[in-house]
PDB file of N, CA and C in Angstrom:
ATOM      1  N   UNK A   1     -22.333  56.602 111.999  1.00  0.00           N
ATOM      2  CA  UNK A   1     -22.934  55.441 111.380  1.00  0.00           C
ATOM      3  C   UNK A   1     -22.634  55.401 109.888  1.00  0.00           C
ATOM      4  N   UNK A   2     -22.721  56.581 109.233  1.00  0.00           N
ATOM      5  CA  UNK A   2     -22.432  56.633 107.804  1.00  0.00           C
ATOM      6  C   UNK A   2     -20.983  56.264 107.518  1.00  0.00           C
ATOM      7  N   UNK A   3     -20.067  56.729 108.371  1.00  0.00           N
ATOM      8  CA  UNK A   3     -18.653  56.403 108.182  1.00  0.00           C
ATOM      9  C   UNK A   3     -18.434  54.900 108.310  1.00  0.00           C
ATOM     10  N   UNK A   4     -19.080  54.303 109.282  1.00  0.00           N
ATOM     11  CA  UNK A   4     -18.940  52.869 109.492  1.00  0.00           C
ATOM     12  C   UNK A   4     -19.459  52.089 108.288  1.00  0.00           C
ATOM     13  N   UNK A   5     -20.622  52.476 107.793  1.00  0.00           N
ATOM     14  CA  UNK A   5     -21.188  51.795 106.621  1.00  0.00           C
ATOM     15  C   UNK A   5     -20.319  51.990 105.381  1.00  0.00           C
ATOM     16  N   UNK A   6     -19.831  53.206 105.162  1.00  0.00           N
ATOM     17  CA  UNK A   6     -18.998  53.444 103.980  1.00  0.00           C
ATOM     18  C   UNK A   6     -17.689  52.671 104.085  1.00  0.00           C
ATOM     19  N   UNK A   7     -17.111  52.599 105.276  1.00  0.00           N
ATOM     20  CA  UNK A   7     -15.907  51.808 105.474  1.00  0.00           C
ATOM     21  C   UNK A   7     -16.183  50.337 105.225  1.00  0.00           C
ATOM     22  N   UNK A   8     -17.296  49.846 105.719  1.00  0.00           N
ATOM     23  CA  UNK A   8     -17.667  48.448 105.525  1.00  0.00           C
ATOM     24  C   UNK A   8     -17.843  48.128 104.047  1.00  0.00           C
ATOM     25  N   UNK A   9     -18.573  48.975 103.326  1.00  0.00           N
ATOM     26  CA  UNK A   9     -18.780  48.748 101.889  1.00  0.00           C
ATOM     27  C   UNK A   9     -17.467  48.826 101.118  1.00  0.00           C
ATOM     28  N   UNK A  10     -16.619  49.760 101.490  1.00  0.00           N
ATOM     29  CA  UNK A  10     -15.318  49.881 100.831  1.00  0.00           C
ATOM     30  C   UNK A  10     -14.476  48.640 101.067  1.00  0.00           C
ATOM     31  N   UNK A  11     -14.490  48.146 102.288  1.00  0.00           N
ATOM     32  CA  UNK A  11     -13.724  46.935 102.587  1.00  0.00           C
ATOM     33  C   UNK A  11     -14.268  45.735 101.828  1.00  0.00           C
ATOM     34  N   UNK A  12     -15.565  45.644 101.691  1.00  0.00           N
ATOM     35  CA  UNK A  12     -16.162  44.547 100.929  1.00  0.00           C
ATOM     36  C   UNK A  12     -15.704  44.607  99.478  1.00  0.00           C
ATOM     37  N   UNK A  13     -15.682  45.803  98.914  1.00  0.00           N
ATOM     38  CA  UNK A  13     -15.240  45.960  97.522  1.00  0.00           C
ATOM     39  C   UNK A  13     -13.768  45.580  97.380  1.00  0.00           C
ATOM     40  N   UNK A  14     -12.939  46.066  98.290  1.00  0.00           N
ATOM     41  CA  UNK A  14     -11.510  45.762  98.222  1.00  0.00           C
ATOM     42  C   UNK A  14     -11.268  44.265  98.387  1.00  0.00           C
ATOM     43  N   UNK A  15     -11.919  43.650  99.339  1.00  0.00           N
ATOM     44  CA  UNK A  15     -11.727  42.212  99.533  1.00  0.00           C
ATOM     45  C   UNK A  15     -12.244  41.402  98.350  1.00  0.00           C
ATOM     46  N   UNK A  16     -13.307  41.865  97.707  1.00  0.00           N
ATOM     47  CA  UNK A  16     -13.787  41.147  96.516  1.00  0.00           C
ATOM     48  C   UNK A  16     -12.793  41.291  95.374  1.00  0.00           C
ATOM     49  N   UNK A  17     -12.135  42.450  95.285  1.00  0.00           N
ATOM     50  CA  UNK A  17     -11.084  42.610  94.274  1.00  0.00           C
ATOM     51  C   UNK A  17      -9.912  41.681  94.567  1.00  0.00           C
ATOM     52  N   UNK A  18      -9.550  41.568  95.837  1.00  0.00           N
ATOM     53  CA  UNK A  18      -8.472  40.657  96.202  1.00  0.00           C
ATOM     54  C   UNK A  18      -8.818  39.218  95.831  1.00  0.00           C
ATOM     55  N   UNK A  19     -10.045  38.845  96.019  1.00  0.00           N
ATOM     56  CA  UNK A  19     -10.462  37.478  95.730  1.00  0.00           C
ATOM     57  C   UNK A  19     -10.391  37.165  94.240  1.00  0.00           C
ATOM     58  N   UNK A  20     -10.540  38.176  93.411  1.00  0.00           N
ATOM     59  CA  UNK A  20     -10.518  37.982  91.957  1.00  0.00           C
ATOM     60  C   UNK A  20      -9.110  37.958  91.386  1.00  0.00           C
ATOM     61  N   UNK A  21      -8.112  38.297  92.177  1.00  0.00           N
ATOM     62  CA  UNK A  21      -6.743  38.354  91.676  1.00  0.00           C
ATOM     63  C   UNK A  21      -6.219  36.961  91.403  1.00  0.00           C
ATOM     64  N   UNK A  22      -5.406  36.834  90.339  1.00  0.00           N
ATOM     65  CA  UNK A  22      -4.794  35.554  89.997  1.00  0.00           C
ATOM     66  C   UNK A  22      -3.572  35.279  90.859  1.00  0.00           C
ATOM     67  N   UNK A  23      -2.812  36.333  91.140  1.00  0.00           N
ATOM     68  CA  UNK A  23      -1.635  36.184  91.998  1.00  0.00           C
ATOM     69  C   UNK A  23      -1.564  37.360  92.945  1.00  0.00           C
ATOM     70  N   UNK A  24      -0.809  37.194  93.968  1.00  0.00           N
ATOM     71  CA  UNK A  24      -0.664  38.272  94.932  1.00  0.00           C
ATOM     72  C   UNK A  24       0.224  39.365  94.351  1.00  0.00           C
ATOM     73  N   UNK A  25      -0.126  40.605  94.605  1.00  0.00           N
ATOM     74  CA  UNK A  25       0.660  41.728  94.105  1.00  0.00           C
ATOM     75  C   UNK A  25       2.054  41.725  94.717  1.00  0.00           C
ATOM     76  N   UNK A  26       2.185  41.240  95.933  1.00  0.00           N
ATOM     77  CA  UNK A  26       3.491  41.243  96.586  1.00  0.00           C
ATOM     78  C   UNK A  26       4.396  40.134  96.062  1.00  0.00           C
ATOM     79  N   UNK A  27       3.878  39.209  95.254  1.00  0.00           N
ATOM     80  CA  UNK A  27       4.703  38.167  94.660  1.00  0.00           C
ATOM     81  C   UNK A  27       5.602  38.730  93.560  1.00  0.00           C
ATOM     82  N   UNK A  28       5.263  39.890  93.036  1.00  0.00           N
ATOM     83  CA  UNK A  28       5.998  40.487  91.934  1.00  0.00           C
ATOM     84  C   UNK A  28       6.670  41.767  92.428  1.00  0.00           C
ATOM     85  N   UNK A  29       8.004  41.780  92.530  1.00  0.00           N
ATOM     86  CA  UNK A  29       8.678  42.967  93.070  1.00  0.00           C
ATOM     87  C   UNK A  29       8.555  44.201  92.178  1.00  0.00           C
ATOM     88  N   UNK A  30       8.184  44.042  90.908  1.00  0.00           N
ATOM     89  CA  UNK A  30       8.063  45.211  90.024  1.00  0.00           C
ATOM     90  C   UNK A  30       6.847  46.056  90.358  1.00  0.00           C
ATOM     91  N   UNK A  31       5.933  45.548  91.173  1.00  0.00           N
ATOM     92  CA  UNK A  31       4.735  46.314  91.516  1.00  0.00           C
ATOM     93  C   UNK A  31       4.853  47.036  92.850  1.00  0.00           C
ATOM     94  N   UNK A  32       6.013  46.960  93.465  1.00  0.00           N
ATOM     95  CA  UNK A  32       6.190  47.681  94.713  1.00  0.00           C
ATOM     96  C   UNK A  32       6.120  49.180  94.428  1.00  0.00           C
ATOM     97  N   UNK A  33       5.583  49.937  95.343  1.00  0.00           N
ATOM     98  CA  UNK A  33       5.448  51.381  95.109  1.00  0.00           C
ATOM     99  C   UNK A  33       6.776  52.034  94.747  1.00  0.00           C
ATOM    100  N   UNK A  34       6.735  52.942  93.775  1.00  0.00           N
ATOM    101  CA  UNK A  34       7.933  53.651  93.343  1.00  0.00           C
ATOM    102  C   UNK A  34       8.300  54.759  94.321  1.00  0.00           C
ATOM    103  N   UNK A  35       7.344  55.160  95.134  1.00  0.00           N
ATOM    104  CA  UNK A  35       7.529  56.241  96.106  1.00  0.00           C
ATOM    105  C   UNK A  35       7.501  55.629  97.503  1.00  0.00           C
ATOM    106  N   UNK A  36       8.479  55.998  98.318  1.00  0.00           N
ATOM    107  CA  UNK A  36       8.436  55.513  99.701  1.00  0.00           C
ATOM    108  C   UNK A  36       7.475  56.390 100.492  1.00  0.00           C
ATOM    109  N   UNK A  37       6.843  55.808 101.468  1.00  0.00           N
ATOM    110  CA  UNK A  37       5.868  56.534 102.278  1.00  0.00           C
ATOM    111  C   UNK A  37       5.818  55.932 103.669  1.00  0.00           C
ATOM    112  N   UNK A  38       5.299  56.721 104.587  1.00  0.00           N
ATOM    113  CA  UNK A  38       5.162  56.309 105.976  1.00  0.00           C
ATOM    114  C   UNK A  38       3.799  55.632 106.155  1.00  0.00           C
ATOM    115  N   UNK A  39       3.803  54.355 106.488  1.00  0.00           N
ATOM    116  CA  UNK A  39       2.559  53.598 106.650  1.00  0.00           C
ATOM    117  C   UNK A  39       1.729  54.080 107.834  1.00  0.00           C
ATOM    118  N   UNK A  40       2.327  54.905 108.691  1.00  0.00           N
ATOM    119  CA  UNK A  40       1.625  55.402 109.877  1.00  0.00           C
ATOM    120  C   UNK A  40       1.176  56.852 109.721  1.00  0.00           C
ATOM    121  N   UNK A  41       1.191  57.351 108.481  1.00  0.00           N
ATOM    122  CA  UNK A  41       0.790  58.731 108.225  1.00  0.00           C
ATOM    123  C   UNK A  41      -0.175  58.749 107.040  1.00  0.00           C
ATOM    124  N   UNK A  42      -1.418  59.145 107.317  1.00  0.00           N
ATOM    125  CA  UNK A  42      -2.456  59.117 106.292  1.00  0.00           C
ATOM    126  C   UNK A  42      -2.096  59.992 105.090  1.00  0.00           C
ATOM    127  N   UNK A  43      -1.584  61.175 105.330  1.00  0.00           N
ATOM    128  CA  UNK A  43      -1.220  62.075 104.231  1.00  0.00           C
ATOM    129  C   UNK A  43      -0.119  61.468 103.364  1.00  0.00           C
ATOM    130  N   UNK A  44       0.821  60.802 103.985  1.00  0.00           N
ATOM    131  CA  UNK A  44       1.909  60.154 103.252  1.00  0.00           C
ATOM    132  C   UNK A  44       1.370  59.021 102.366  1.00  0.00           C
ATOM    133  N   UNK A  45       0.454  58.247 102.888  1.00  0.00           N
ATOM    134  CA  UNK A  45      -0.152  57.147 102.127  1.00  0.00           C
ATOM    135  C   UNK A  45      -0.911  57.700 100.921  1.00  0.00           C
ATOM    136  N   UNK A  46      -1.734  58.717 101.152  1.00  0.00           N
ATOM    137  CA  UNK A  46      -2.523  59.302 100.064  1.00  0.00           C
ATOM    138  C   UNK A  46      -1.628  59.979  99.030  1.00  0.00           C
ATOM    139  N   UNK A  47      -0.575  60.608  99.486  1.00  0.00           N
ATOM    140  CA  UNK A  47       0.370  61.245  98.576  1.00  0.00           C
ATOM    141  C   UNK A  47       1.075  60.206  97.710  1.00  0.00           C
ATOM    142  N   UNK A  48       1.441  59.077  98.301  1.00  0.00           N
ATOM    143  CA  UNK A  48       2.085  58.008  97.537  1.00  0.00           C
ATOM    144  C   UNK A  48       1.141  57.458  96.473  1.00  0.00           C
ATOM    145  N   UNK A  49      -0.123  57.297  96.843  1.00  0.00           N
ATOM    146  CA  UNK A  49      -1.109  56.795  95.894  1.00  0.00           C
ATOM    147  C   UNK A  49      -1.262  57.771  94.718  1.00  0.00           C
ATOM    148  N   UNK A  50      -1.364  59.050  95.025  1.00  0.00           N
ATOM    149  CA  UNK A  50      -1.495  60.070  93.974  1.00  0.00           C
ATOM    150  C   UNK A  50      -0.253  60.098  93.085  1.00  0.00           C
ATOM    151  N   UNK A  51       0.910  59.971  93.700  1.00  0.00           N
ATOM    152  CA  UNK A  51       2.163  59.980  92.930  1.00  0.00           C
ATOM    153  C   UNK A  51       2.235  58.800  91.964  1.00  0.00           C
ATOM    154  N   UNK A  52       1.773  57.652  92.409  1.00  0.00           N
ATOM    155  CA  UNK A  52       1.761  56.479  91.528  1.00  0.00           C
ATOM    156  C   UNK A  52       0.866  56.720  90.307  1.00  0.00           C
ATOM    157  N   UNK A  53      -0.310  57.299  90.540  1.00  0.00           N
ATOM    158  CA  UNK A  53      -1.208  57.607  89.419  1.00  0.00           C
ATOM    159  C   UNK A  53      -0.566  58.596  88.455  1.00  0.00           C
ATOM    160  N   UNK A  54       0.026  59.648  89.001  1.00  0.00           N
ATOM    161  CA  UNK A  54       0.644  60.684  88.164  1.00  0.00           C
ATOM    162  C   UNK A  54       1.790  60.093  87.359  1.00  0.00           C
ATOM    163  N   UNK A  55       2.663  59.330  88.009  1.00  0.00           N
ATOM    164  CA  UNK A  55       3.805  58.733  87.334  1.00  0.00           C
ATOM    165  C   UNK A  55       3.352  57.849  86.170  1.00  0.00           C
ATOM    166  N   UNK A  56       2.390  56.982  86.428  1.00  0.00           N
ATOM    167  CA  UNK A  56       1.934  56.050  85.388  1.00  0.00           C
ATOM    168  C   UNK A  56       1.211  56.774  84.264  1.00  0.00           C
ATOM    169  N   UNK A  57       0.351  57.717  84.593  1.00  0.00           N
ATOM    170  CA  UNK A  57      -0.383  58.424  83.545  1.00  0.00           C
ATOM    171  C   UNK A  57       0.558  59.253  82.673  1.00  0.00           C
ATOM    172  N   UNK A  58       1.564  59.870  83.268  1.00  0.00           N
ATOM    173  CA  UNK A  58       2.548  60.618  82.467  1.00  0.00           C
ATOM    174  C   UNK A  58       3.332  59.696  81.554  1.00  0.00           C
ATOM    175  N   UNK A  59       3.707  58.568  82.079  1.00  0.00           N
ATOM    176  CA  UNK A  59       4.467  57.609  81.284  1.00  0.00           C
ATOM    177  C   UNK A  59       3.655  57.129  80.073  1.00  0.00           C
ATOM    178  N   UNK A  60       2.400  56.787  80.309  1.00  0.00           N
ATOM    179  CA  UNK A  60       1.544  56.328  79.205  1.00  0.00           C
ATOM    180  C   UNK A  60       1.294  57.477  78.222  1.00  0.00           C
ATOM    181  N   UNK A  61       1.067  58.679  78.732  1.00  0.00           N
ATOM    182  CA  UNK A  61       0.833  59.831  77.853  1.00  0.00           C
ATOM    183  C   UNK A  61       2.064  60.104  76.992  1.00  0.00           C
ATOM    184  N   UNK A  62       3.270  60.031  77.571  1.00  0.00           N
ATOM    185  CA  UNK A  62       4.500  60.236  76.798  1.00  0.00           C
ATOM    186  C   UNK A  62       4.646  59.175  75.714  1.00  0.00           C
ATOM    187  N   UNK A  63       4.360  57.931  76.065  1.00  0.00           N
ATOM    188  CA  UNK A  63       4.417  56.859  75.064  1.00  0.00           C
ATOM    189  C   UNK A  63       3.402  57.103  73.954  1.00  0.00           C
ATOM    190  N   UNK A  64       2.232  57.595  74.329  1.00  0.00           N
ATOM    191  CA  UNK A  64       1.184  57.887  73.353  1.00  0.00           C
ATOM    192  C   UNK A  64       1.621  58.990  72.384  1.00  0.00           C
ATOM    193  N   UNK A  65       2.232  60.023  72.924  1.00  0.00           N
ATOM    194  CA  UNK A  65       2.721  61.104  72.067  1.00  0.00           C
ATOM    195  C   UNK A  65       3.810  60.613  71.127  1.00  0.00           C
ATOM    196  N   UNK A  66       4.692  59.742  71.629  1.00  0.00           N
ATOM    197  CA  UNK A  66       5.752  59.190  70.779  1.00  0.00           C
ATOM    198  C   UNK A  66       5.182  58.353  69.635  1.00  0.00           C
ATOM    199  N   UNK A  67       4.215  57.509  69.942  1.00  0.00           N
ATOM    200  CA  UNK A  67       3.647  56.659  68.892  1.00  0.00           C
ATOM    201  C   UNK A  67       2.829  57.495  67.917  1.00  0.00           C
ATOM    202  N   UNK A  68       2.203  58.550  68.392  1.00  0.00           N
ATOM    203  CA  UNK A  68       1.447  59.441  67.501  1.00  0.00           C
ATOM    204  C   UNK A  68       2.372  60.132  66.509  1.00  0.00           C
ATOM    205  N   UNK A  69       3.563  60.509  66.971  1.00  0.00           N
ATOM    206  CA  UNK A  69       4.545  61.118  66.069  1.00  0.00           C
ATOM    207  C   UNK A  69       5.013  60.109  65.024  1.00  0.00           C
ATOM    208  N   UNK A  70       5.111  58.858  65.428  1.00  0.00           N
ATOM    209  CA  UNK A  70       5.550  57.819  64.501  1.00  0.00           C
ATOM    210  C   UNK A  70       4.522  57.551  63.417  1.00  0.00           C
ATOM    211  N   UNK A  71       3.257  57.439  63.797  1.00  0.00           N
ATOM    212  CA  UNK A  71       2.249  57.023  62.814  1.00  0.00           C
ATOM    213  C   UNK A  71       1.623  58.188  62.073  1.00  0.00           C
ATOM    214  N   UNK A  72       1.782  59.391  62.576  1.00  0.00           N
ATOM    215  CA  UNK A  72       1.245  60.607  61.948  1.00  0.00           C
ATOM    216  C   UNK A  72      -0.242  60.459  61.682  1.00  0.00           C
ATOM    217  N   UNK A  73      -0.707  60.909  60.506  1.00  0.00           N
ATOM    218  CA  UNK A  73      -2.146  60.935  60.241  1.00  0.00           C
ATOM    219  C   UNK A  73      -2.609  60.007  59.123  1.00  0.00           C
ATOM    220  N   UNK A  74      -1.722  59.258  58.548  1.00  0.00           N
ATOM    221  CA  UNK A  74      -2.149  58.435  57.411  1.00  0.00           C
ATOM    222  C   UNK A  74      -2.223  56.957  57.782  1.00  0.00           C
ATOM    223  N   UNK A  75      -3.066  56.262  57.048  1.00  0.00           N
ATOM    224  CA  UNK A  75      -3.203  54.828  57.275  1.00  0.00           C
ATOM    225  C   UNK A  75      -1.922  54.099  56.866  1.00  0.00           C
ATOM    226  N   UNK A  76      -1.289  54.572  55.803  1.00  0.00           N
ATOM    227  CA  UNK A  76      -0.041  53.932  55.357  1.00  0.00           C
ATOM    228  C   UNK A  76       1.031  53.996  56.439  1.00  0.00           C
ATOM    229  N   UNK A  77       1.113  55.142  57.092  1.00  0.00           N
ATOM    230  CA  UNK A  77       2.076  55.294  58.174  1.00  0.00           C
ATOM    231  C   UNK A  77       1.723  54.364  59.340  1.00  0.00           C
ATOM    232  N   UNK A  78       0.429  54.266  59.623  1.00  0.00           N
ATOM    233  CA  UNK A  78      -0.018  53.341  60.672  1.00  0.00           C
ATOM    234  C   UNK A  78       0.343  51.906  60.298  1.00  0.00           C
ATOM    235  N   UNK A  79       0.080  51.555  59.042  1.00  0.00           N
ATOM    236  CA  UNK A  79       0.329  50.192  58.579  1.00  0.00           C
ATOM    237  C   UNK A  79       1.813  49.832  58.681  1.00  0.00           C
ATOM    238  N   UNK A  80       2.681  50.800  58.389  1.00  0.00           N
ATOM    239  CA  UNK A  80       4.129  50.564  58.476  1.00  0.00           C
ATOM    240  C   UNK A  80       4.580  50.394  59.929  1.00  0.00           C
ATOM    241  N   UNK A  81       3.868  51.023  60.838  1.00  0.00           N
ATOM    242  CA  UNK A  81       4.247  50.992  62.258  1.00  0.00           C
ATOM    243  C   UNK A  81       3.298  50.162  63.115  1.00  0.00           C
ATOM    244  N   UNK A  82       2.625  49.229  62.485  1.00  0.00           N
ATOM    245  CA  UNK A  82       1.614  48.439  63.195  1.00  0.00           C
ATOM    246  C   UNK A  82       2.181  47.720  64.416  1.00  0.00           C
ATOM    247  N   UNK A  83       3.375  47.159  64.287  1.00  0.00           N
ATOM    248  CA  UNK A  83       3.949  46.444  65.428  1.00  0.00           C
ATOM    249  C   UNK A  83       4.267  47.402  66.574  1.00  0.00           C
ATOM    250  N   UNK A  84       4.684  48.634  66.240  1.00  0.00           N
ATOM    251  CA  UNK A  84       4.951  49.618  67.285  1.00  0.00           C
ATOM    252  C   UNK A  84       3.660  50.004  68.009  1.00  0.00           C
ATOM    253  N   UNK A  85       2.566  50.082  67.256  1.00  0.00           N
ATOM    254  CA  UNK A  85       1.268  50.411  67.866  1.00  0.00           C
ATOM    255  C   UNK A  85       0.819  49.283  68.796  1.00  0.00           C
ATOM    256  N   UNK A  86       0.967  48.054  68.330  1.00  0.00           N
ATOM    257  CA  UNK A  86       0.602  46.902  69.154  1.00  0.00           C
ATOM    258  C   UNK A  86       1.467  46.866  70.418  1.00  0.00           C
ATOM    259  N   UNK A  87       2.759  47.130  70.260  1.00  0.00           N
ATOM    260  CA  UNK A  87       3.650  47.176  71.424  1.00  0.00           C
ATOM    261  C   UNK A  87       3.236  48.269  72.402  1.00  0.00           C
ATOM    262  N   UNK A  88       2.817  49.422  71.851  1.00  0.00           N
ATOM    263  CA  UNK A  88       2.345  50.518  72.709  1.00  0.00           C
ATOM    264  C   UNK A  88       1.149  50.080  73.544  1.00  0.00           C
ATOM    265  N   UNK A  89       0.172  49.448  72.905  1.00  0.00           N
ATOM    266  CA  UNK A  89      -1.014  49.016  73.647  1.00  0.00           C
ATOM    267  C   UNK A  89      -0.673  47.957  74.689  1.00  0.00           C
ATOM    268  N   UNK A  90       0.183  47.016  74.346  1.00  0.00           N
ATOM    269  CA  UNK A  90       0.571  45.990  75.320  1.00  0.00           C
ATOM    270  C   UNK A  90       1.340  46.599  76.483  1.00  0.00           C
ATOM    271  N   UNK A  91       2.230  47.543  76.178  1.00  0.00           N
ATOM    272  CA  UNK A  91       3.007  48.205  77.220  1.00  0.00           C
ATOM    273  C   UNK A  91       2.103  49.041  78.126  1.00  0.00           C
ATOM    274  N   UNK A  92       1.138  49.725  77.524  1.00  0.00           N
ATOM    275  CA  UNK A  92       0.195  50.530  78.320  1.00  0.00           C
ATOM    276  C   UNK A  92      -0.642  49.647  79.229  1.00  0.00           C
ATOM    277  N   UNK A  93      -1.077  48.519  78.722  1.00  0.00           N
ATOM    278  CA  UNK A  93      -1.852  47.585  79.536  1.00  0.00           C
ATOM    279  C   UNK A  93      -1.007  47.056  80.693  1.00  0.00           C
ATOM    280  N   UNK A  94       0.231  46.742  80.417  1.00  0.00           N
ATOM    281  CA  UNK A  94       1.123  46.250  81.472  1.00  0.00           C
ATOM    282  C   UNK A  94       1.344  47.320  82.547  1.00  0.00           C
ATOM    283  N   UNK A  95       1.519  48.567  82.124  1.00  0.00           N
ATOM    284  CA  UNK A  95       1.694  49.661  83.091  1.00  0.00           C
ATOM    285  C   UNK A  95       0.428  49.849  83.923  1.00  0.00           C
ATOM    286  N   UNK A  96      -0.730  49.740  83.298  1.00  0.00           N
ATOM    287  CA  UNK A  96      -1.990  49.889  84.025  1.00  0.00           C
ATOM    288  C   UNK A  96      -2.179  48.758  85.033  1.00  0.00           C
ATOM    289  N   UNK A  97      -1.822  47.539  84.640  1.00  0.00           N
ATOM    290  CA  UNK A  97      -1.936  46.403  85.563  1.00  0.00           C
ATOM    291  C   UNK A  97      -0.962  46.554  86.729  1.00  0.00           C
ATOM    292  N   UNK A  98       0.239  47.032  86.440  1.00  0.00           N
ATOM    293  CA  UNK A  98       1.218  47.268  87.505  1.00  0.00           C
ATOM    294  C   UNK A  98       0.722  48.348  88.452  1.00  0.00           C
ATOM    295  N   UNK A  99       0.115  49.401  87.892  1.00  0.00           N
ATOM    296  CA  UNK A  99      -0.470  50.457  88.726  1.00  0.00           C
ATOM    297  C   UNK A  99      -1.545  49.874  89.632  1.00  0.00           C
ATOM    298  N   UNK A 100      -2.401  49.031  89.077  1.00  0.00           N
ATOM    299  CA  UNK A 100      -3.463  48.405  89.875  1.00  0.00           C
ATOM    300  C   UNK A 100      -2.855  47.622  91.044  1.00  0.00           C
ATOM    301  N   UNK A 101      -1.834  46.828  90.752  1.00  0.00           N
ATOM    302  CA  UNK A 101      -1.206  46.027  91.803  1.00  0.00           C
ATOM    303  C   UNK A 101      -0.544  46.911  92.861  1.00  0.00           C
ATOM    304  N   UNK A 102       0.086  47.986  92.416  1.00  0.00           N
ATOM    305  CA  UNK A 102       0.739  48.899  93.349  1.00  0.00           C
ATOM    306  C   UNK A 102      -0.283  49.601  94.231  1.00  0.00           C
ATOM    307  N   UNK A 103      -1.369  50.048  93.626  1.00  0.00           N
ATOM    308  CA  UNK A 103      -2.426  50.710  94.396  1.00  0.00           C
ATOM    309  C   UNK A 103      -3.060  49.722  95.375  1.00  0.00           C
ATOM    310  N   UNK A 104      -3.111  48.467  94.997  1.00  0.00           N
ATOM    311  CA  UNK A 104      -3.629  47.443  95.909  1.00  0.00           C
ATOM    312  C   UNK A 104      -2.775  47.381  97.176  1.00  0.00           C
ATOM    313  N   UNK A 105      -1.466  47.408  97.011  1.00  0.00           N
ATOM    314  CA  UNK A 105      -0.550  47.358  98.153  1.00  0.00           C
ATOM    315  C   UNK A 105      -0.735  48.589  99.043  1.00  0.00           C
ATOM    316  N   UNK A 106      -0.785  49.761  98.416  1.00  0.00           N
ATOM    317  CA  UNK A 106      -0.941  50.997  99.182  1.00  0.00           C
ATOM    318  C   UNK A 106      -2.317  51.039  99.853  1.00  0.00           C
ATOM    319  N   UNK A 107      -3.333  50.518  99.180  1.00  0.00           N
ATOM    320  CA  UNK A 107      -4.686  50.507  99.758  1.00  0.00           C
ATOM    321  C   UNK A 107      -4.749  49.657 101.015  1.00  0.00           C
ATOM    322  N   UNK A 108      -4.039  48.564 101.022  1.00  0.00           N
ATOM    323  CA  UNK A 108      -4.000  47.732 102.227  1.00  0.00           C
ATOM    324  C   UNK A 108      -3.417  48.535 103.385  1.00  0.00           C
ATOM    325  N   UNK A 109      -2.338  49.263 103.119  1.00  0.00           N
ATOM    326  CA  UNK A 109      -1.756  50.108 104.167  1.00  0.00           C
ATOM    327  C   UNK A 109      -2.742  51.174 104.621  1.00  0.00           C
ATOM    328  N   UNK A 110      -3.478  51.726 103.673  1.00  0.00           N
ATOM    329  CA  UNK A 110      -4.477  52.744 103.992  1.00  0.00           C
ATOM    330  C   UNK A 110      -5.547  52.174 104.916  1.00  0.00           C
ATOM    331  N   UNK A 111      -6.096  51.007 104.555  1.00  0.00           N
ATOM    332  CA  UNK A 111      -7.165  50.425 105.362  1.00  0.00           C
ATOM    333  C   UNK A 111      -6.663  49.947 106.725  1.00  0.00           C
ATOM    334  N   UNK A 112      -5.417  49.480 106.774  1.00  0.00           N
ATOM    335  CA  UNK A 112      -4.856  49.117 108.070  1.00  0.00           C
ATOM    336  C   UNK A 112      -4.697  50.350 108.955  1.00  0.00           C
ATOM    337  N   UNK A 113      -4.304  51.473 108.355  1.00  0.00           N
ATOM    338  CA  UNK A 113      -4.167  52.706 109.129  1.00  0.00           C
ATOM    339  C   UNK A 113      -5.536  53.184 109.619  1.00  0.00           C
ATOM    340  N   UNK A 114      -6.533  53.184 108.731  1.00  0.00           N
ATOM    341  CA  UNK A 114      -7.857  53.660 109.097  1.00  0.00           C
ATOM    342  C   UNK A 114      -8.493  52.745 110.145  1.00  0.00           C
ATOM    343  N   UNK A 115      -8.303  51.444 109.996  1.00  0.00           N
ATOM    344  CA  UNK A 115      -8.919  50.494 110.929  1.00  0.00           C
ATOM    345  C   UNK A 115      -8.172  50.451 112.259  1.00  0.00           C
ATOM    346  N   UNK A 116      -6.889  50.783 112.222  1.00  0.00           N
ATOM    347  CA  UNK A 116      -6.063  50.664 113.422  1.00  0.00           C
ATOM    348  C   UNK A 116      -6.293  51.765 114.362  1.00  0.00           C
TER     349      UNK A 116
END
């Protein structure tokens, strides 16, 4: 009974997230998973999801380290590199949104596997 209720609540949350989306994640080919996985294997699906998180977080962390080296510790250095900082934040936001869309695609496969 608990499994059924938790699955139901999870599906409600996922479907409410889908309803809030402006466009479908599959409309944009850049959000397709970077890792191939077997849609009929739970471990493969979960591994793909974890890999997507790791890939994106490493990418953002590397960008963060690069921008930190550029701006160093002074305000003057920050002021000189303000456009690079703004670009970093916009790029990080774009990567996070792409991750969200990719995880949405993988989550659908996950729920289809669990429900099937």
